[in-house]
Amino acid sequence: MPDHRIYGTPFAKVYPMYVQKAERKQRTKEDVDRIICWLTGYTPAGLAEQLAAGTDMEAFFAQAPAMHPNSALITGVVCGVRVEEVEDPRMRNIRRLDKLIDELAKGKALDKILRPGP
């Protein structure tokens, strides 16, 4: 079976949609950046480099400095799919980010979104 087309989509093409979704709900680009950096381990400068380089979604997550250890605590449904049940780790990371942005857009506090440890 061929890979999902989202893997080859440039992250820079998806990123503005994350920002727009947040801004429609009176959240900020900085909130989105903080979530992305928390999840992936990128610094703000590293995130900017990835956006400028046109890195695709698969490489963006594959090259992430360190996926946050608490990312396994991200559960729930996004786009009709239960995040914790996604088998492909590439797609699971994409869905985790989608879920975090959804929570941001729904007004959840950043300290809750960034999954403090148990």
N, C-alpha and C. Protein backbone atom coordinates (compact mmCIF):
# COMPACT_ATOMS: atom_id res chain seq x y z
N MET A 1 0.84 -1.17 0.00
CA MET A 1 0.00 0.00 0.00
C MET A 1 0.89 1.25 0.00
N PRO A 2 0.61 2.23 -0.85
CA PRO A 2 1.44 3.44 -0.91
C PRO A 2 1.27 4.28 0.36
N ASP A 3 2.31 5.06 0.66
CA ASP A 3 2.26 5.94 1.82
C ASP A 3 1.16 6.98 1.65
N HIS A 4 0.66 7.45 2.76
CA HIS A 4 -0.35 8.50 2.76
C HIS A 4 0.26 9.78 2.20
N ARG A 5 -0.52 10.54 1.47
CA ARG A 5 0.02 11.73 0.82
C ARG A 5 0.43 12.82 1.80
N ILE A 6 -0.08 12.78 3.03
CA ILE A 6 0.30 13.80 4.01
C ILE A 6 1.79 13.75 4.32
N TYR A 7 2.40 12.57 4.21
CA TYR A 7 3.82 12.44 4.52
C TYR A 7 4.68 13.30 3.59
N GLY A 8 4.28 13.44 2.35
CA GLY A 8 5.04 14.22 1.38
C GLY A 8 4.64 15.69 1.32
N THR A 9 3.64 16.07 2.10
CA THR A 9 3.19 17.46 2.12
C THR A 9 4.18 18.30 2.91
N PRO A 10 4.60 19.43 2.38
CA PRO A 10 5.52 20.29 3.14
C PRO A 10 4.88 20.76 4.44
N PHE A 11 5.64 20.69 5.53
CA PHE A 11 5.12 21.15 6.81
C PHE A 11 4.73 22.62 6.71
N ALA A 12 5.47 23.39 5.91
CA ALA A 12 5.18 24.82 5.74
C ALA A 12 3.82 25.05 5.09
N LYS A 13 3.26 24.06 4.46
CA LYS A 13 1.94 24.19 3.85
C LYS A 13 0.84 23.93 4.90
N VAL A 14 1.12 23.09 5.86
CA VAL A 14 0.16 22.74 6.90
C VAL A 14 0.21 23.75 8.06
N TYR A 15 1.39 24.23 8.37
CA TYR A 15 1.61 25.14 9.49
C TYR A 15 0.66 26.34 9.49
N PRO A 16 0.49 27.05 8.36
CA PRO A 16 -0.43 28.20 8.39
C PRO A 16 -1.87 27.81 8.74
N MET A 17 -2.26 26.59 8.41
CA MET A 17 -3.60 26.13 8.77
C MET A 17 -3.72 25.95 10.28
N TYR A 18 -2.66 25.46 10.92
CA TYR A 18 -2.65 25.35 12.38
C TYR A 18 -2.80 26.74 13.00
N VAL A 19 -2.02 27.70 12.48
CA VAL A 19 -2.05 29.07 13.01
C VAL A 19 -3.43 29.69 12.80
N GLN A 20 -3.99 29.53 11.61
CA GLN A 20 -5.31 30.10 11.32
C GLN A 20 -6.38 29.51 12.25
N LYS A 21 -6.31 28.22 12.47
CA LYS A 21 -7.29 27.57 13.35
C LYS A 21 -7.21 28.15 14.75
N ALA A 22 -5.99 28.35 15.23
CA ALA A 22 -5.80 28.92 16.57
C ALA A 22 -6.26 30.38 16.62
N GLU A 23 -5.89 31.15 15.61
CA GLU A 23 -6.23 32.58 15.60
C GLU A 23 -7.73 32.82 15.48
N ARG A 24 -8.44 31.93 14.80
CA ARG A 24 -9.90 32.05 14.71
C ARG A 24 -10.54 31.97 16.10
N LYS A 25 -9.84 31.34 17.02
CA LYS A 25 -10.35 31.17 18.38
C LYS A 25 -9.59 32.05 19.38
N GLN A 26 -9.03 33.14 18.88
CA GLN A 26 -8.32 34.12 19.69
C GLN A 26 -7.09 33.56 20.41
N ARG A 27 -6.46 32.58 19.80
CA ARG A 27 -5.16 32.10 20.29
C ARG A 27 -4.11 32.65 19.34
N THR A 28 -2.83 32.42 19.62
CA THR A 28 -1.78 33.09 18.85
C THR A 28 -0.85 32.10 18.14
N LYS A 29 -0.13 32.65 17.18
CA LYS A 29 0.92 31.90 16.48
C LYS A 29 1.96 31.42 17.49
N GLU A 30 2.24 32.24 18.49
CA GLU A 30 3.22 31.88 19.53
C GLU A 30 2.74 30.66 20.31
N ASP A 31 1.43 30.57 20.56
CA ASP A 31 0.88 29.38 21.22
C ASP A 31 1.11 28.13 20.37
N VAL A 32 0.85 28.26 19.07
CA VAL A 32 1.05 27.14 18.14
C VAL A 32 2.52 26.74 18.13
N ASP A 33 3.41 27.72 18.04
CA ASP A 33 4.85 27.43 18.03
C ASP A 33 5.28 26.73 19.31
N ARG A 34 4.75 27.20 20.43
CA ARG A 34 5.12 26.59 21.71
C ARG A 34 4.69 25.12 21.75
N ILE A 35 3.51 24.84 21.26
CA ILE A 35 3.02 23.45 21.22
C ILE A 35 3.91 22.59 20.32
N ILE A 36 4.22 23.10 19.13
CA ILE A 36 5.06 22.34 18.19
C ILE A 36 6.43 22.08 18.80
N CYS A 37 7.02 23.10 19.41
CA CYS A 37 8.35 22.95 20.00
C CYS A 37 8.31 21.98 21.18
N TRP A 38 7.25 22.05 21.98
CA TRP A 38 7.12 21.12 23.11
C TRP A 38 7.06 19.68 22.61
N LEU A 39 6.23 19.44 21.60
CA LEU A 39 6.02 18.09 21.10
C LEU A 39 7.27 17.52 20.44
N THR A 40 7.94 18.33 19.63
CA THR A 40 9.02 17.83 18.78
C THR A 40 10.44 18.06 19.31
N GLY A 41 10.60 19.00 20.21
CA GLY A 41 11.94 19.32 20.70
C GLY A 41 12.66 20.36 19.85
N TYR A 42 12.01 20.84 18.78
CA TYR A 42 12.62 21.91 18.00
C TYR A 42 12.67 23.18 18.84
N THR A 43 13.70 23.99 18.63
CA THR A 43 13.74 25.33 19.18
C THR A 43 12.93 26.21 18.23
N PRO A 44 12.57 27.42 18.65
CA PRO A 44 11.89 28.31 17.70
C PRO A 44 12.72 28.55 16.44
N ALA A 45 14.04 28.67 16.59
CA ALA A 45 14.90 28.85 15.41
C ALA A 45 14.91 27.59 14.54
N GLY A 46 14.92 26.43 15.17
CA GLY A 46 14.90 25.17 14.43
C GLY A 46 13.59 24.99 13.68
N LEU A 47 12.50 25.39 14.32
CA LEU A 47 11.19 25.33 13.66
C LEU A 47 11.19 26.24 12.44
N ALA A 48 11.70 27.45 12.59
CA ALA A 48 11.76 28.41 11.48
C ALA A 48 12.61 27.85 10.33
N GLU A 49 13.70 27.18 10.66
CA GLU A 49 14.56 26.57 9.63
C GLU A 49 13.81 25.49 8.86
N GLN A 50 13.06 24.66 9.57
CA GLN A 50 12.30 23.60 8.92
C GLN A 50 11.23 24.18 7.99
N LEU A 51 10.59 25.25 8.44
CA LEU A 51 9.58 25.90 7.61
C LEU A 51 10.21 26.49 6.36
N ALA A 52 11.35 27.14 6.52
CA ALA A 52 12.04 27.77 5.38
C ALA A 52 12.58 26.73 4.40
N ALA A 53 12.98 25.58 4.92
CA ALA A 53 13.57 24.54 4.08
C ALA A 53 12.52 23.77 3.27
N GLY A 54 11.25 23.92 3.62
CA GLY A 54 10.22 23.18 2.89
C GLY A 54 10.18 21.71 3.23
N THR A 55 10.64 21.36 4.42
CA THR A 55 10.68 19.97 4.87
C THR A 55 9.27 19.36 4.86
N ASP A 56 9.17 18.14 4.34
CA ASP A 56 7.86 17.49 4.32
C ASP A 56 7.50 16.97 5.71
N MET A 57 6.25 16.62 5.89
CA MET A 57 5.73 16.20 7.19
C MET A 57 6.50 15.01 7.76
N GLU A 58 6.77 14.03 6.91
CA GLU A 58 7.47 12.85 7.39
C GLU A 58 8.85 13.21 7.91
N ALA A 59 9.61 13.99 7.13
CA ALA A 59 10.96 14.38 7.54
C ALA A 59 10.92 15.32 8.74
N PHE A 60 9.91 16.19 8.80
CA PHE A 60 9.79 17.11 9.92
C PHE A 60 9.77 16.34 11.23
N PHE A 61 8.96 15.29 11.29
CA PHE A 61 8.88 14.50 12.52
C PHE A 61 10.07 13.56 12.67
N ALA A 62 10.56 13.01 11.57
CA ALA A 62 11.72 12.12 11.65
C ALA A 62 12.97 12.86 12.13
N GLN A 63 13.10 14.13 11.77
CA GLN A 63 14.27 14.93 12.14
C GLN A 63 14.07 15.68 13.46
N ALA A 64 12.93 15.51 14.07
CA ALA A 64 12.65 16.21 15.33
C ALA A 64 13.73 15.85 16.35
N PRO A 65 14.25 16.85 17.03
CA PRO A 65 15.32 16.58 18.01
C PRO A 65 14.92 15.54 19.06
N ALA A 66 13.71 15.64 19.59
CA ALA A 66 13.27 14.66 20.60
C ALA A 66 11.78 14.82 20.83
N MET A 67 11.04 13.82 20.45
CA MET A 67 9.60 13.85 20.74
C MET A 67 9.45 13.83 22.27
N HIS A 68 8.57 14.67 22.76
CA HIS A 68 8.41 14.81 24.20
C HIS A 68 7.99 13.48 24.82
N PRO A 69 8.62 13.10 25.94
CA PRO A 69 8.25 11.81 26.56
C PRO A 69 6.78 11.74 26.99
N ASN A 70 6.16 12.88 27.29
CA ASN A 70 4.76 12.88 27.69
C ASN A 70 3.80 12.88 26.50
N SER A 71 4.34 12.81 25.28
CA SER A 71 3.46 12.79 24.12
C SER A 71 2.58 11.54 24.11
N ALA A 72 3.02 10.50 24.80
CA ALA A 72 2.20 9.28 24.88
C ALA A 72 0.91 9.53 25.67
N LEU A 73 0.86 10.63 26.42
CA LEU A 73 -0.34 10.96 27.20
C LEU A 73 -1.41 11.63 26.34
N ILE A 74 -1.09 11.92 25.09
CA ILE A 74 -2.04 12.57 24.19
C ILE A 74 -3.00 11.50 23.67
N THR A 75 -4.24 11.63 24.08
CA THR A 75 -5.26 10.66 23.68
C THR A 75 -6.50 11.41 23.22
N GLY A 76 -7.38 10.70 22.62
CA GLY A 76 -8.64 11.28 22.18
C GLY A 76 -8.84 11.10 20.69
N VAL A 77 -9.90 11.72 20.19
CA VAL A 77 -10.28 11.57 18.80
C VAL A 77 -10.01 12.86 18.04
N VAL A 78 -9.39 12.71 16.87
CA VAL A 78 -9.19 13.83 15.97
C VAL A 78 -9.50 13.32 14.56
N CYS A 79 -10.32 14.05 13.85
CA CYS A 79 -10.76 13.65 12.50
C CYS A 79 -11.36 12.25 12.50
N GLY A 80 -12.07 11.91 13.57
CA GLY A 80 -12.72 10.62 13.65
C GLY A 80 -11.81 9.45 13.96
N VAL A 81 -10.54 9.74 14.28
CA VAL A 81 -9.57 8.69 14.55
C VAL A 81 -9.07 8.82 15.98
N ARG A 82 -9.05 7.72 16.71
CA ARG A 82 -8.54 7.72 18.07
C ARG A 82 -7.00 7.74 17.99
N VAL A 83 -6.40 8.81 18.49
CA VAL A 83 -4.97 9.07 18.36
C VAL A 83 -4.13 7.90 18.89
N GLU A 84 -4.46 7.42 20.07
CA GLU A 84 -3.65 6.38 20.70
C GLU A 84 -3.73 5.03 19.99
N GLU A 85 -4.67 4.87 19.07
CA GLU A 85 -4.82 3.60 18.35
C GLU A 85 -4.18 3.61 16.97
N VAL A 86 -3.60 4.74 16.57
CA VAL A 86 -2.94 4.82 15.27
C VAL A 86 -1.66 4.00 15.34
N GLU A 87 -1.53 3.02 14.46
CA GLU A 87 -0.39 2.11 14.52
C GLU A 87 0.89 2.69 13.93
N ASP A 88 0.79 3.38 12.81
CA ASP A 88 1.98 3.94 12.15
C ASP A 88 2.51 5.09 12.99
N PRO A 89 3.74 5.00 13.51
CA PRO A 89 4.26 6.07 14.36
C PRO A 89 4.35 7.42 13.65
N ARG A 90 4.53 7.42 12.34
CA ARG A 90 4.58 8.68 11.59
C ARG A 90 3.22 9.37 11.65
N MET A 91 2.17 8.62 11.38
CA MET A 91 0.83 9.17 11.40
C MET A 91 0.41 9.50 12.83
N ARG A 92 0.84 8.69 13.80
CA ARG A 92 0.48 8.95 15.19
C ARG A 92 1.03 10.32 15.63
N ASN A 93 2.27 10.64 15.23
CA ASN A 93 2.84 11.94 15.60
C ASN A 93 2.07 13.09 14.94
N ILE A 94 1.68 12.91 13.70
CA ILE A 94 0.89 13.94 13.01
C ILE A 94 -0.45 14.12 13.72
N ARG A 95 -1.10 13.03 14.06
CA ARG A 95 -2.40 13.10 14.75
C ARG A 95 -2.25 13.71 16.15
N ARG A 96 -1.14 13.42 16.81
CA ARG A 96 -0.92 14.03 18.12
C ARG A 96 -0.85 15.55 18.00
N LEU A 97 -0.11 16.03 17.01
CA LEU A 97 -0.03 17.47 16.81
C LEU A 97 -1.41 18.03 16.46
N ASP A 98 -2.14 17.36 15.60
CA ASP A 98 -3.50 17.79 15.27
C ASP A 98 -4.36 17.90 16.54
N LYS A 99 -4.25 16.93 17.40
CA LYS A 99 -5.05 16.90 18.63
C LYS A 99 -4.68 18.08 19.53
N LEU A 100 -3.39 18.38 19.66
CA LEU A 100 -2.96 19.49 20.50
C LEU A 100 -3.48 20.83 19.96
N ILE A 101 -3.44 20.99 18.63
CA ILE A 101 -3.93 22.22 18.02
C ILE A 101 -5.45 22.31 18.20
N ASP A 102 -6.15 21.20 18.10
CA ASP A 102 -7.59 21.18 18.35
C ASP A 102 -7.89 21.64 19.77
N GLU A 103 -7.12 21.13 20.74
CA GLU A 103 -7.33 21.52 22.13
C GLU A 103 -7.08 23.01 22.33
N LEU A 104 -6.06 23.52 21.68
CA LEU A 104 -5.76 24.96 21.75
C LEU A 104 -6.93 25.76 21.21
N ALA A 105 -7.44 25.35 20.06
CA ALA A 105 -8.55 26.06 19.42
C ALA A 105 -9.84 25.96 20.23
N LYS A 106 -9.95 24.94 21.05
CA LYS A 106 -11.15 24.78 21.89
C LYS A 106 -11.03 25.54 23.21
N GLY A 107 -9.91 26.24 23.39
CA GLY A 107 -9.77 27.09 24.56
C GLY A 107 -9.09 26.45 25.76
N LYS A 108 -8.58 25.26 25.60
CA LYS A 108 -7.89 24.60 26.71
C LYS A 108 -6.63 25.38 27.07
N ALA A 109 -6.30 25.45 28.34
CA ALA A 109 -5.13 26.17 28.81
C ALA A 109 -3.84 25.48 28.35
N LEU A 110 -2.83 26.29 28.00
CA LEU A 110 -1.57 25.72 27.51
C LEU A 110 -0.93 24.77 28.52
N ASP A 111 -1.00 25.09 29.81
CA ASP A 111 -0.37 24.20 30.79
C ASP A 111 -1.04 22.83 30.84
N LYS A 112 -2.30 22.75 30.43
CA LYS A 112 -2.99 21.45 30.34
C LYS A 112 -2.68 20.76 29.01
N ILE A 113 -2.58 21.55 27.94
CA ILE A 113 -2.28 20.99 26.62
C ILE A 113 -0.91 20.34 26.61
N LEU A 114 0.05 20.96 27.30
CA LEU A 114 1.43 20.49 27.28
C LEU A 114 1.68 19.33 28.24
N ARG A 115 0.64 18.63 28.59
CA ARG A 115 0.66 17.36 29.31
C ARG A 115 1.73 17.28 30.40
N PRO A 116 1.45 17.86 31.55
CA PRO A 116 2.40 17.67 32.65
C PRO A 116 2.45 16.18 33.00
N GLY A 117 3.57 15.75 33.46
CA GLY A 117 3.75 14.32 33.78
C GLY A 117 2.86 13.87 34.91
N PRO A 118 2.78 12.56 35.10
CA PRO A 118 1.91 12.00 36.16
C PRO A 118 2.34 12.41 37.55
